[in-house]
Amino acid sequence: MPKDYLQQLANYIKKNLVKGYTIESLKFSLMSQGYSRLSVENAIELANKQLALQIPPIKEKPQITYKIIPEPEKNENKFLFFLRKFLKDY
């Protein structure tokens, strides 16, 4: 079976998949037109491989995680605050 023959069948399958036909309906249609089951299945496999090569690879987006880090309490600031309050009152 020439590769050109399979390629023509694969092109036909790809063209009709784009139109919305299912693989099963195309397989039934081609076999009822006289194509052998083996050649139809080989053409479907070839079409699937060619379509898989055309799909761009999926790029995963980085996952952003947030972590809240509480600020440590500074005893100096509390001391200065109270000292200012205390000195302000006098």
PDB file of N, CA and C in Angstrom:
ATOM      1  N   MET A   1       0.845  -1.181   0.000  1.00  0.00           N
ATOM      2  CA  MET A   1       0.000   0.000   0.000  1.00  0.00           C
ATOM      3  C   MET A   1       0.892   1.245   0.000  1.00  0.00           C
ATOM      4  N   PRO A   2       0.819   2.050  -1.020  1.00  0.00           N
ATOM      5  CA  PRO A   2       1.682   3.237  -1.100  1.00  0.00           C
ATOM      6  C   PRO A   2       1.353   4.249  -0.002  1.00  0.00           C
ATOM      7  N   LYS A   3       2.401   4.954   0.397  1.00  0.00           N
ATOM      8  CA  LYS A   3       2.219   5.968   1.441  1.00  0.00           C
ATOM      9  C   LYS A   3       1.342   7.111   0.940  1.00  0.00           C
ATOM     10  N   ASP A   4       1.442   7.398  -0.349  1.00  0.00           N
ATOM     11  CA  ASP A   4       0.637   8.478  -0.925  1.00  0.00           C
ATOM     12  C   ASP A   4      -0.855   8.162  -0.794  1.00  0.00           C
ATOM     13  N   TYR A   5      -1.191   6.893  -0.970  1.00  0.00           N
ATOM     14  CA  TYR A   5      -2.577   6.443  -0.840  1.00  0.00           C
ATOM     15  C   TYR A   5      -3.075   6.678   0.585  1.00  0.00           C
ATOM     16  N   LEU A   6      -2.271   6.266   1.559  1.00  0.00           N
ATOM     17  CA  LEU A   6      -2.635   6.479   2.966  1.00  0.00           C
ATOM     18  C   LEU A   6      -2.697   7.962   3.303  1.00  0.00           C
ATOM     19  N   GLN A   7      -1.775   8.725   2.751  1.00  0.00           N
ATOM     20  CA  GLN A   7      -1.753  10.164   3.021  1.00  0.00           C
ATOM     21  C   GLN A   7      -3.010  10.836   2.479  1.00  0.00           C
ATOM     22  N   GLN A   8      -3.463  10.402   1.305  1.00  0.00           N
ATOM     23  CA  GLN A   8      -4.700  10.963   0.744  1.00  0.00           C
ATOM     24  C   GLN A   8      -5.898  10.650   1.640  1.00  0.00           C
ATOM     25  N   LEU A   9      -5.946   9.408   2.132  1.00  0.00           N
ATOM     26  CA  LEU A   9      -7.029   9.046   3.049  1.00  0.00           C
ATOM     27  C   LEU A   9      -6.928   9.839   4.354  1.00  0.00           C
ATOM     28  N   ALA A  10      -5.706   9.999   4.862  1.00  0.00           N
ATOM     29  CA  ALA A  10      -5.507  10.759   6.102  1.00  0.00           C
ATOM     30  C   ALA A  10      -5.927  12.215   5.910  1.00  0.00           C
ATOM     31  N   ASN A  11      -5.596  12.797   4.768  1.00  0.00           N
ATOM     32  CA  ASN A  11      -6.010  14.178   4.480  1.00  0.00           C
ATOM     33  C   ASN A  11      -7.531  14.290   4.425  1.00  0.00           C
ATOM     34  N   TYR A  12      -8.166  13.306   3.803  1.00  0.00           N
ATOM     35  CA  TYR A  12      -9.629  13.286   3.730  1.00  0.00           C
ATOM     36  C   TYR A  12     -10.226  13.223   5.139  1.00  0.00           C
ATOM     37  N   ILE A  13      -9.652  12.379   5.979  1.00  0.00           N
ATOM     38  CA  ILE A  13     -10.145  12.221   7.352  1.00  0.00           C
ATOM     39  C   ILE A  13      -9.959  13.517   8.136  1.00  0.00           C
ATOM     40  N   LYS A  14      -8.777  14.127   8.032  1.00  0.00           N
ATOM     41  CA  LYS A  14      -8.521  15.385   8.755  1.00  0.00           C
ATOM     42  C   LYS A  14      -9.477  16.483   8.305  1.00  0.00           C
ATOM     43  N   LYS A  15      -9.683  16.574   6.993  1.00  0.00           N
ATOM     44  CA  LYS A  15     -10.564  17.613   6.443  1.00  0.00           C
ATOM     45  C   LYS A  15     -11.986  17.449   6.982  1.00  0.00           C
ATOM     46  N   ASN A  16     -12.452  16.209   7.064  1.00  0.00           N
ATOM     47  CA  ASN A  16     -13.817  15.963   7.519  1.00  0.00           C
ATOM     48  C   ASN A  16     -13.955  16.012   9.039  1.00  0.00           C
ATOM     49  N   LEU A  17     -12.881  15.752   9.755  1.00  0.00           N
ATOM     50  CA  LEU A  17     -12.918  15.938  11.208  1.00  0.00           C
ATOM     51  C   LEU A  17     -13.109  17.413  11.542  1.00  0.00           C
ATOM     52  N   VAL A  18     -12.451  18.271  10.776  1.00  0.00           N
ATOM     53  CA  VAL A  18     -12.592  19.716  10.972  1.00  0.00           C
ATOM     54  C   VAL A  18     -14.036  20.146  10.708  1.00  0.00           C
ATOM     55  N   LYS A  19     -14.671  19.487   9.760  1.00  0.00           N
ATOM     56  CA  LYS A  19     -16.066  19.813   9.432  1.00  0.00           C
ATOM     57  C   LYS A  19     -17.036  19.340  10.511  1.00  0.00           C
ATOM     58  N   GLY A  20     -16.571  18.461  11.409  1.00  0.00           N
ATOM     59  CA  GLY A  20     -17.427  18.015  12.508  1.00  0.00           C
ATOM     60  C   GLY A  20     -17.844  16.560  12.465  1.00  0.00           C
ATOM     61  N   TYR A  21     -17.383  15.807  11.472  1.00  0.00           N
ATOM     62  CA  TYR A  21     -17.715  14.392  11.403  1.00  0.00           C
ATOM     63  C   TYR A  21     -16.923  13.623  12.455  1.00  0.00           C
ATOM     64  N   THR A  22     -17.502  12.527  12.931  1.00  0.00           N
ATOM     65  CA  THR A  22     -16.800  11.695  13.912  1.00  0.00           C
ATOM     66  C   THR A  22     -15.926  10.673  13.191  1.00  0.00           C
ATOM     67  N   ILE A  23     -14.976  10.137  13.931  1.00  0.00           N
ATOM     68  CA  ILE A  23     -14.088   9.100  13.378  1.00  0.00           C
ATOM     69  C   ILE A  23     -14.919   7.887  12.949  1.00  0.00           C
ATOM     70  N   GLU A  24     -15.874   7.512  13.793  1.00  0.00           N
ATOM     71  CA  GLU A  24     -16.687   6.332  13.483  1.00  0.00           C
ATOM     72  C   GLU A  24     -17.497   6.524  12.203  1.00  0.00           C
ATOM     73  N   SER A  25     -18.073   7.710  12.032  1.00  0.00           N
ATOM     74  CA  SER A  25     -18.867   7.937  10.814  1.00  0.00           C
ATOM     75  C   SER A  25     -17.973   7.945   9.577  1.00  0.00           C
ATOM     76  N   LEU A  26     -16.772   8.501   9.702  1.00  0.00           N
ATOM     77  CA  LEU A  26     -15.833   8.500   8.572  1.00  0.00           C
ATOM     78  C   LEU A  26     -15.368   7.082   8.254  1.00  0.00           C
ATOM     79  N   LYS A  27     -15.108   6.310   9.308  1.00  0.00           N
ATOM     80  CA  LYS A  27     -14.680   4.922   9.104  1.00  0.00           C
ATOM     81  C   LYS A  27     -15.776   4.135   8.377  1.00  0.00           C
ATOM     82  N   PHE A  28     -17.008   4.280   8.832  1.00  0.00           N
ATOM     83  CA  PHE A  28     -18.133   3.583   8.195  1.00  0.00           C
ATOM     84  C   PHE A  28     -18.304   4.029   6.748  1.00  0.00           C
ATOM     85  N   SER A  29     -18.200   5.328   6.523  1.00  0.00           N
ATOM     86  CA  SER A  29     -18.374   5.874   5.172  1.00  0.00           C
ATOM     87  C   SER A  29     -17.296   5.362   4.221  1.00  0.00           C
ATOM     88  N   LEU A  30     -16.050   5.382   4.665  1.00  0.00           N
ATOM     89  CA  LEU A  30     -14.955   4.933   3.802  1.00  0.00           C
ATOM     90  C   LEU A  30     -15.043   3.438   3.510  1.00  0.00           C
ATOM     91  N   MET A  31     -15.401   2.642   4.534  1.00  0.00           N
ATOM     92  CA  MET A  31     -15.511   1.198   4.301  1.00  0.00           C
ATOM     93  C   MET A  31     -16.696   0.883   3.390  1.00  0.00           C
ATOM     94  N   SER A  32     -17.767   1.667   3.485  1.00  0.00           N
ATOM     95  CA  SER A  32     -18.909   1.424   2.590  1.00  0.00           C
ATOM     96  C   SER A  32     -18.600   1.868   1.158  1.00  0.00           C
ATOM     97  N   GLN A  33     -17.570   2.723   0.999  1.00  0.00           N
ATOM     98  CA  GLN A  33     -17.147   3.137  -0.344  1.00  0.00           C
ATOM     99  C   GLN A  33     -16.158   2.146  -0.961  1.00  0.00           C
ATOM    100  N   GLY A  34     -15.780   1.109  -0.195  1.00  0.00           N
ATOM    101  CA  GLY A  34     -14.930   0.073  -0.754  1.00  0.00           C
ATOM    102  C   GLY A  34     -13.510   0.033  -0.211  1.00  0.00           C
ATOM    103  N   TYR A  35     -13.160   0.947   0.681  1.00  0.00           N
ATOM    104  CA  TYR A  35     -11.819   0.914   1.273  1.00  0.00           C
ATOM    105  C   TYR A  35     -11.761  -0.196   2.312  1.00  0.00           C
ATOM    106  N   SER A  36     -10.606  -0.843   2.405  1.00  0.00           N
ATOM    107  CA  SER A  36     -10.470  -1.930   3.371  1.00  0.00           C
ATOM    108  C   SER A  36     -10.398  -1.367   4.793  1.00  0.00           C
ATOM    109  N   ARG A  37     -10.810  -2.202   5.724  1.00  0.00           N
ATOM    110  CA  ARG A  37     -10.815  -1.785   7.136  1.00  0.00           C
ATOM    111  C   ARG A  37      -9.400  -1.446   7.594  1.00  0.00           C
ATOM    112  N   LEU A  38      -8.437  -2.237   7.170  1.00  0.00           N
ATOM    113  CA  LEU A  38      -7.048  -2.025   7.570  1.00  0.00           C
ATOM    114  C   LEU A  38      -6.510  -0.698   7.044  1.00  0.00           C
ATOM    115  N   SER A  39      -6.789  -0.396   5.784  1.00  0.00           N
ATOM    116  CA  SER A  39      -6.282   0.863   5.226  1.00  0.00           C
ATOM    117  C   SER A  39      -6.966   2.064   5.881  1.00  0.00           C
ATOM    118  N   VAL A  40      -8.248   1.937   6.198  1.00  0.00           N
ATOM    119  CA  VAL A  40      -8.961   3.032   6.870  1.00  0.00           C
ATOM    120  C   VAL A  40      -8.387   3.252   8.267  1.00  0.00           C
ATOM    121  N   GLU A  41      -8.146   2.177   9.007  1.00  0.00           N
ATOM    122  CA  GLU A  41      -7.591   2.307  10.360  1.00  0.00           C
ATOM    123  C   GLU A  41      -6.170   2.871  10.327  1.00  0.00           C
ATOM    124  N   ASN A  42      -5.378   2.451   9.337  1.00  0.00           N
ATOM    125  CA  ASN A  42      -4.026   3.011   9.201  1.00  0.00           C
ATOM    126  C   ASN A  42      -4.076   4.498   8.864  1.00  0.00           C
ATOM    127  N   ALA A  43      -5.011   4.879   8.019  1.00  0.00           N
ATOM    128  CA  ALA A  43      -5.153   6.294   7.655  1.00  0.00           C
ATOM    129  C   ALA A  43      -5.617   7.121   8.854  1.00  0.00           C
ATOM    130  N   ILE A  44      -6.516   6.561   9.665  1.00  0.00           N
ATOM    131  CA  ILE A  44      -6.977   7.258  10.876  1.00  0.00           C
ATOM    132  C   ILE A  44      -5.820   7.438  11.845  1.00  0.00           C
ATOM    133  N   GLU A  45      -5.016   6.402  12.002  1.00  0.00           N
ATOM    134  CA  GLU A  45      -3.850   6.496  12.884  1.00  0.00           C
ATOM    135  C   GLU A  45      -2.871   7.560  12.379  1.00  0.00           C
ATOM    136  N   LEU A  46      -2.638   7.580  11.079  1.00  0.00           N
ATOM    137  CA  LEU A  46      -1.752   8.577  10.485  1.00  0.00           C
ATOM    138  C   LEU A  46      -2.313   9.985  10.672  1.00  0.00           C
ATOM    139  N   ALA A  47      -3.616  10.149  10.457  1.00  0.00           N
ATOM    140  CA  ALA A  47      -4.254  11.460  10.630  1.00  0.00           C
ATOM    141  C   ALA A  47      -4.148  11.924  12.078  1.00  0.00           C
ATOM    142  N   ASN A  48      -4.364  11.006  13.022  1.00  0.00           N
ATOM    143  CA  ASN A  48      -4.253  11.362  14.443  1.00  0.00           C
ATOM    144  C   ASN A  48      -2.837  11.797  14.798  1.00  0.00           C
ATOM    145  N   LYS A  49      -1.844  11.098  14.270  1.00  0.00           N
ATOM    146  CA  LYS A  49      -0.451  11.475  14.537  1.00  0.00           C
ATOM    147  C   LYS A  49      -0.137  12.855  13.965  1.00  0.00           C
ATOM    148  N   GLN A  50      -0.612  13.110  12.758  1.00  0.00           N
ATOM    149  CA  GLN A  50      -0.349  14.407  12.128  1.00  0.00           C
ATOM    150  C   GLN A  50      -1.076  15.533  12.858  1.00  0.00           C
ATOM    151  N   LEU A  51      -2.294  15.274  13.305  1.00  0.00           N
ATOM    152  CA  LEU A  51      -3.031  16.292  14.061  1.00  0.00           C
ATOM    153  C   LEU A  51      -2.372  16.555  15.413  1.00  0.00           C
ATOM    154  N   ALA A  52      -1.828  15.509  16.026  1.00  0.00           N
ATOM    155  CA  ALA A  52      -1.167  15.675  17.322  1.00  0.00           C
ATOM    156  C   ALA A  52       0.081  16.540  17.197  1.00  0.00           C
ATOM    157  N   LEU A  53       0.760  16.463  16.061  1.00  0.00           N
ATOM    158  CA  LEU A  53       1.955  17.285  15.861  1.00  0.00           C
ATOM    159  C   LEU A  53       1.608  18.756  15.648  1.00  0.00           C
ATOM    160  N   GLN A  54       0.394  19.036  15.171  1.00  0.00           N
ATOM    161  CA  GLN A  54      -0.011  20.415  14.901  1.00  0.00           C
ATOM    162  C   GLN A  54      -0.440  21.156  16.161  1.00  0.00           C
ATOM    163  N   ILE A  55      -0.818  20.428  17.192  1.00  0.00           N
ATOM    164  CA  ILE A  55      -1.295  21.062  18.420  1.00  0.00           C
ATOM    165  C   ILE A  55      -0.101  21.639  19.172  1.00  0.00           C
ATOM    166  N   PRO A  56      -0.161  22.918  19.545  1.00  0.00           N
ATOM    167  CA  PRO A  56       0.951  23.501  20.296  1.00  0.00           C
ATOM    168  C   PRO A  56       1.003  22.897  21.703  1.00  0.00           C
ATOM    169  N   PRO A  57       2.201  22.751  22.247  1.00  0.00           N
ATOM    170  CA  PRO A  57       2.311  22.186  23.593  1.00  0.00           C
ATOM    171  C   PRO A  57       1.652  23.107  24.620  1.00  0.00           C
ATOM    172  N   ILE A  58       1.083  22.506  25.617  1.00  0.00           N
ATOM    173  CA  ILE A  58       0.416  23.269  26.670  1.00  0.00           C
ATOM    174  C   ILE A  58       1.477  23.839  27.599  1.00  0.00           C
ATOM    175  N   LYS A  59       1.407  25.141  27.784  1.00  0.00           N
ATOM    176  CA  LYS A  59       2.338  25.789  28.699  1.00  0.00           C
ATOM    177  C   LYS A  59       1.642  25.947  30.038  1.00  0.00           C
ATOM    178  N   GLU A  60       2.260  25.384  31.045  1.00  0.00           N
ATOM    179  CA  GLU A  60       1.676  25.498  32.373  1.00  0.00           C
ATOM    180  C   GLU A  60       1.984  26.865  32.946  1.00  0.00           C
ATOM    181  N   LYS A  61       0.972  27.453  33.522  1.00  0.00           N
ATOM    182  CA  LYS A  61       1.167  28.748  34.157  1.00  0.00           C
ATOM    183  C   LYS A  61       1.737  28.501  35.551  1.00  0.00           C
ATOM    184  N   PRO A  62       2.670  29.344  35.956  1.00  0.00           N
ATOM    185  CA  PRO A  62       3.208  29.159  37.301  1.00  0.00           C
ATOM    186  C   PRO A  62       2.127  29.438  38.341  1.00  0.00           C
ATOM    187  N   GLN A  63       2.157  28.655  39.380  1.00  0.00           N
ATOM    188  CA  GLN A  63       1.180  28.840  40.442  1.00  0.00           C
ATOM    189  C   GLN A  63       1.760  29.816  41.462  1.00  0.00           C
ATOM    190  N   ILE A  64       1.024  30.872  41.702  1.00  0.00           N
ATOM    191  CA  ILE A  64       1.470  31.898  42.636  1.00  0.00           C
ATOM    192  C   ILE A  64       0.850  31.608  43.994  1.00  0.00           C
ATOM    193  N   THR A  65       1.700  31.498  44.979  1.00  0.00           N
ATOM    194  CA  THR A  65       1.206  31.282  46.331  1.00  0.00           C
ATOM    195  C   THR A  65       1.572  32.481  47.184  1.00  0.00           C
ATOM    196  N   TYR A  66       0.684  32.810  48.061  1.00  0.00           N
ATOM    197  CA  TYR A  66       0.896  33.941  48.953  1.00  0.00           C
ATOM    198  C   TYR A  66       1.067  33.417  50.368  1.00  0.00           C
ATOM    199  N   LYS A  67       2.027  33.978  51.054  1.00  0.00           N
ATOM    200  CA  LYS A  67       2.257  33.599  52.431  1.00  0.00           C
ATOM    201  C   LYS A  67       2.338  34.885  53.245  1.00  0.00           C
ATOM    202  N   ILE A  68       1.478  34.977  54.223  1.00  0.00           N
ATOM    203  CA  ILE A  68       1.464  36.170  55.069  1.00  0.00           C
ATOM    204  C   ILE A  68       2.390  35.923  56.249  1.00  0.00           C
ATOM    205  N   ILE A  69       3.366  36.782  56.354  1.00  0.00           N
ATOM    206  CA  ILE A  69       4.327  36.679  57.446  1.00  0.00           C
ATOM    207  C   ILE A  69       4.056  37.836  58.403  1.00  0.00           C
ATOM    208  N   PRO A  70       3.636  37.521  59.621  1.00  0.00           N
ATOM    209  CA  PRO A  70       3.362  38.609  60.566  1.00  0.00           C
ATOM    210  C   PRO A  70       4.660  39.297  60.987  1.00  0.00           C
ATOM    211  N   GLU A  71       4.557  40.608  61.154  1.00  0.00           N
ATOM    212  CA  GLU A  71       5.733  41.349  61.604  1.00  0.00           C
ATOM    213  C   GLU A  71       5.949  41.074  63.083  1.00  0.00           C
ATOM    214  N   PRO A  72       7.185  40.872  63.459  1.00  0.00           N
ATOM    215  CA  PRO A  72       7.442  40.669  64.893  1.00  0.00           C
ATOM    216  C   PRO A  72       7.196  41.980  65.652  1.00  0.00           C
ATOM    217  N   GLU A  73       6.648  41.830  66.816  1.00  0.00           N
ATOM    218  CA  GLU A  73       6.390  43.027  67.623  1.00  0.00           C
ATOM    219  C   GLU A  73       7.711  43.568  68.146  1.00  0.00           C
ATOM    220  N   LYS A  74       7.826  44.857  68.047  1.00  0.00           N
ATOM    221  CA  LYS A  74       9.056  45.487  68.520  1.00  0.00           C
ATOM    222  C   LYS A  74       8.774  46.125  69.872  1.00  0.00           C
ATOM    223  N   ASN A  75       9.474  45.644  70.867  1.00  0.00           N
ATOM    224  CA  ASN A  75       9.284  46.160  72.219  1.00  0.00           C
ATOM    225  C   ASN A  75       9.787  47.590  72.342  1.00  0.00           C
ATOM    226  N   GLU A  76      10.782  47.956  71.545  1.00  0.00           N
ATOM    227  CA  GLU A  76      11.329  49.308  71.605  1.00  0.00           C
ATOM    228  C   GLU A  76      10.260  50.336  71.272  1.00  0.00           C
ATOM    229  N   ASN A  77       9.484  50.060  70.233  1.00  0.00           N
ATOM    230  CA  ASN A  77       8.463  51.010  69.809  1.00  0.00           C
ATOM    231  C   ASN A  77       7.418  51.211  70.891  1.00  0.00           C
ATOM    232  N   LYS A  78       7.021  50.137  71.551  1.00  0.00           N
ATOM    233  CA  LYS A  78       6.053  50.266  72.637  1.00  0.00           C
ATOM    234  C   LYS A  78       6.640  51.091  73.775  1.00  0.00           C
ATOM    235  N   PHE A  79       7.891  50.828  74.066  1.00  0.00           N
ATOM    236  CA  PHE A  79       8.536  51.561  75.153  1.00  0.00           C
ATOM    237  C   PHE A  79       8.618  53.048  74.814  1.00  0.00           C
ATOM    238  N   LEU A  80       9.027  53.372  73.587  1.00  0.00           N
ATOM    239  CA  LEU A  80       9.116  54.773  73.175  1.00  0.00           C
ATOM    240  C   LEU A  80       7.742  55.426  73.151  1.00  0.00           C
ATOM    241  N   PHE A  81       6.737  54.690  72.740  1.00  0.00           N
ATOM    242  CA  PHE A  81       5.387  55.230  72.710  1.00  0.00           C
ATOM    243  C   PHE A  81       4.934  55.612  74.121  1.00  0.00           C
ATOM    244  N   PHE A  82       5.134  54.701  75.053  1.00  0.00           N
ATOM    245  CA  PHE A  82       4.724  54.993  76.431  1.00  0.00           C
ATOM    246  C   PHE A  82       5.576  56.092  77.048  1.00  0.00           C
ATOM    247  N   LEU A  83       6.858  56.118  76.701  1.00  0.00           N
ATOM    248  CA  LEU A  83       7.747  57.151  77.232  1.00  0.00           C
ATOM    249  C   LEU A  83       7.311  58.525  76.730  1.00  0.00           C
ATOM    250  N   ARG A  84       6.973  58.621  75.454  1.00  0.00           N
ATOM    251  CA  ARG A  84       6.506  59.892  74.897  1.00  0.00           C
ATOM    252  C   ARG A  84       5.193  60.319  75.546  1.00  0.00           C
ATOM    253  N   LYS A  85       4.301  59.361  75.716  1.00  0.00           N
ATOM    254  CA  LYS A  85       3.028  59.676  76.357  1.00  0.00           C
ATOM    255  C   LYS A  85       3.265  60.175  77.777  1.00  0.00           C
ATOM    256  N   PHE A  86       4.155  59.499  78.454  1.00  0.00           N
ATOM    257  CA  PHE A  86       4.432  59.840  79.843  1.00  0.00           C
ATOM    258  C   PHE A  86       5.073  61.226  79.931  1.00  0.00           C
ATOM    259  N   LEU A  87       6.058  61.507  79.047  1.00  0.00           N
ATOM    260  CA  LEU A  87       6.745  62.793  79.078  1.00  0.00           C
ATOM    261  C   LEU A  87       5.845  63.915  78.579  1.00  0.00           C
ATOM    262  N   LYS A  88       4.947  63.604  77.708  1.00  0.00           N
ATOM    263  CA  LYS A  88       4.047  64.616  77.167  1.00  0.00           C
ATOM    264  C   LYS A  88       3.078  65.112  78.248  1.00  0.00           C
ATOM    265  N   ASP A  89       2.678  64.201  79.102  1.00  0.00           N
ATOM    266  CA  ASP A  89       1.743  64.567  80.163  1.00  0.00           C
ATOM    267  C   ASP A  89       2.394  65.479  81.204  1.00  0.00           C
ATOM    268  N   TYR A  90       3.698  65.442  81.365  1.00  0.00           N
ATOM    269  CA  TYR A  90       4.365  66.264  82.384  1.00  0.00           C
ATOM    270  C   TYR A  90       4.838  67.549  81.841  1.00  0.00           C
TER     271      TYR A  90
END
